[in-house]
Amino acid sequence: LTSPVCRVRALFDAQCYVGAVNYDNTNTPAIFRDTLTVASVTSALTLTFTDPNDRSAGYYSEGRVRFNTGANANLEREVKSHNFVGGDAQINLHEPFPFAVAVGDQALVEAGCDRRFTTCVTKFANGGNFRGEPDVPGLDQVLRRGRR
């Protein structure tokens, strides 16, 4: 079986091996995670963080948010998308946290991966460990009729 996207289940696990470094207990190299502070709460699924690192839009998409302080301390959710609003990082979640998020809560936010080869190469410099076959032709190419 082949797949154009990476078959690794979780970013930063043993098969992914981003950065070829020894990982700490969160399995995320420090260069791919940031501690951010909640600037505003739009809804249970949309949070805005101050982002002093000025990461590009989409950097945290498909990543994780884990709160260090507040009512949701030590709880984690997956990031759906990451955009910018007035210079701050707006993060949309797949699922809400069980308790209300308050302005000033701090969270550890990890980079995300869309499991595509170009992302693996450009964002993580990890093309050698990509677990997919991006250059294998798809079914549309295999079943295409020849010309006369």
Protein backbone atom coordinates (compact mmCIF):
# COMPACT_ATOMS: atom_id res chain seq x y z
CA LEU A 1 0.00 0.00 0.00
CA THR A 2 1.16 3.50 -0.77
CA SER A 3 0.11 6.92 0.43
CA PRO A 4 1.01 10.41 -0.77
CA VAL A 5 0.78 11.67 2.84
CA CYS A 6 2.86 10.59 5.80
CA ARG A 7 1.64 7.52 7.69
CA VAL A 8 3.15 8.55 11.04
CA ARG A 9 0.32 8.78 13.57
CA ALA A 10 1.76 11.58 15.70
CA LEU A 11 4.21 14.35 14.98
CA PHE A 12 7.45 14.02 16.99
CA ASP A 13 7.05 10.30 17.72
CA ALA A 14 9.79 7.70 17.18
CA GLN A 15 8.99 7.20 13.47
CA CYS A 16 8.84 10.92 12.73
CA TYR A 17 12.06 11.78 14.56
CA VAL A 18 11.99 15.51 13.76
CA GLY A 19 15.29 17.17 14.51
CA ALA A 20 17.15 13.95 15.39
CA VAL A 21 17.45 15.09 19.01
CA ASN A 22 16.79 13.52 22.38
CA TYR A 23 13.27 14.45 23.38
CA ASP A 24 12.04 15.46 26.81
CA ASN A 25 8.90 14.03 28.41
CA THR A 26 6.58 15.85 25.97
CA ASN A 27 8.35 14.36 22.91
CA THR A 28 8.48 17.82 21.33
CA PRO A 29 11.78 19.55 20.58
CA ALA A 30 11.80 22.98 22.22
CA ILE A 31 12.20 24.80 18.91
CA PHE A 32 8.72 23.60 17.84
CA ARG A 33 6.76 24.70 20.93
CA ASP A 34 6.01 28.03 22.51
CA THR A 35 4.53 29.17 25.82
CA LEU A 36 1.83 31.70 24.96
CA THR A 37 -0.59 33.77 27.05
CA VAL A 38 -4.32 34.05 26.32
CA ALA A 39 -5.11 37.61 25.13
CA SER A 40 -8.84 37.09 24.50
CA VAL A 41 -11.48 34.39 24.27
CA THR A 42 -13.89 34.73 21.33
CA SER A 43 -15.70 31.43 21.95
CA ALA A 44 -15.06 28.02 23.48
CA LEU A 45 -13.42 26.99 20.19
CA THR A 46 -11.58 30.24 19.32
CA LEU A 47 -8.76 31.57 21.49
CA THR A 48 -6.38 34.45 20.81
CA PHE A 49 -2.83 34.32 22.21
CA THR A 50 -0.10 36.93 22.32
CA ASP A 51 2.64 35.54 20.09
CA PRO A 52 6.04 37.15 20.77
CA ASN A 53 7.69 34.63 18.42
CA ASP A 54 5.66 35.93 15.47
CA ARG A 55 5.12 32.50 13.88
CA SER A 56 3.65 32.44 10.37
CA ALA A 57 -0.05 31.76 9.83
CA GLY A 58 -0.75 28.05 9.89
CA TYR A 59 2.32 27.20 11.97
CA TYR A 60 0.24 25.75 14.83
CA SER A 61 -2.49 24.24 12.58
CA GLU A 62 -2.99 20.54 13.41
CA GLY A 63 -0.79 21.02 16.49
CA ARG A 64 -1.71 20.88 20.20
CA VAL A 65 -2.52 23.30 23.02
CA ARG A 66 -1.79 22.24 26.60
CA PHE A 67 -2.57 24.68 29.42
CA ASN A 68 -0.01 25.20 32.17
CA THR A 69 -2.19 27.47 34.32
CA GLY A 70 -5.87 28.11 34.93
CA ALA A 71 -8.87 25.81 35.24
CA ASN A 72 -7.66 23.66 32.32
CA ALA A 73 -4.12 23.10 33.62
CA ASN A 74 -2.58 19.88 32.22
CA LEU A 75 -5.44 19.42 29.74
CA GLU A 76 -4.74 19.23 26.01
CA ARG A 77 -6.71 19.81 22.80
CA GLU A 78 -5.87 19.65 19.09
CA VAL A 79 -5.60 22.81 17.01
CA LYS A 80 -7.82 23.01 13.95
CA SER A 81 -6.36 26.17 12.42
CA HIS A 82 -4.04 29.07 13.22
CA ASN A 83 -4.43 32.61 11.86
CA PHE A 84 -3.44 36.15 12.86
CA VAL A 85 -5.70 38.86 14.21
CA GLY A 86 -4.02 42.19 14.85
CA GLY A 87 -0.61 40.59 15.35
CA ASP A 88 -1.86 37.98 17.82
CA ALA A 89 -2.23 34.25 17.14
CA GLN A 90 -5.87 33.19 16.77
CA ILE A 91 -6.24 29.47 17.35
CA ASN A 92 -9.36 27.48 16.49
CA LEU A 93 -9.77 24.16 18.29
CA HIS A 94 -11.40 20.91 17.17
CA GLU A 95 -12.98 20.47 20.63
CA PRO A 96 -13.48 22.97 23.47
CA PHE A 97 -11.75 22.68 26.82
CA PRO A 98 -14.02 21.42 29.62
CA PHE A 99 -13.62 24.57 31.73
CA ALA A 100 -13.76 28.23 30.74
CA VAL A 101 -10.47 29.62 29.45
CA ALA A 102 -9.54 32.95 31.07
CA VAL A 103 -7.47 35.85 29.78
CA GLY A 104 -3.96 35.49 31.20
CA ASP A 105 -3.90 31.66 31.23
CA GLN A 106 -0.64 30.28 29.85
CA ALA A 107 -0.44 27.37 27.43
CA LEU A 108 2.21 25.34 25.70
CA VAL A 109 1.38 25.45 21.97
CA GLU A 110 3.05 22.94 19.64
CA ALA A 111 3.62 23.19 15.90
CA GLY A 112 1.40 21.08 13.71
CA CYS A 113 1.92 19.03 10.57
CA ASP A 114 -0.46 18.45 7.65
CA ARG A 115 1.46 15.23 6.78
CA ARG A 116 2.56 16.42 3.32
CA PHE A 117 6.09 16.01 1.98
CA THR A 118 6.61 19.72 1.29
CA THR A 119 5.72 20.55 4.92
CA CYS A 120 8.08 17.85 6.18
CA VAL A 121 10.93 19.31 4.14
CA THR A 122 10.33 23.06 4.52
CA LYS A 123 8.98 23.34 8.07
CA PHE A 124 10.81 20.51 9.85
CA ALA A 125 13.80 19.73 7.56
CA ASN A 126 12.89 16.06 7.95
CA GLY A 127 12.35 14.81 4.39
CA GLY A 128 14.59 11.78 4.96
CA ASN A 129 12.17 10.42 7.58
CA PHE A 130 8.98 11.09 5.59
CA ARG A 131 6.78 7.97 5.78
CA GLY A 132 4.85 8.33 2.55
CA GLU A 133 5.31 8.10 -1.21
CA PRO A 134 4.58 11.56 -2.66
CA ASP A 135 5.92 10.75 -6.14
CA VAL A 136 3.93 7.57 -6.84
CA PRO A 137 1.32 8.37 -9.51
CA GLY A 138 -2.28 8.34 -8.35
CA LEU A 139 -5.08 6.11 -9.63
CA ASP A 140 -6.11 8.73 -12.20
CA GLN A 141 -2.68 8.44 -13.85
CA VAL A 142 -2.63 4.63 -13.73
CA LEU A 143 -6.09 4.25 -15.32
CA ARG A 144 -5.64 6.94 -17.96
CA ARG A 145 -6.04 5.69 -21.54
CA GLY A 146 -3.26 6.21 -24.02
CA ARG A 147 -3.60 8.29 -27.17
CA ARG A 148 -3.75 6.87 -30.70
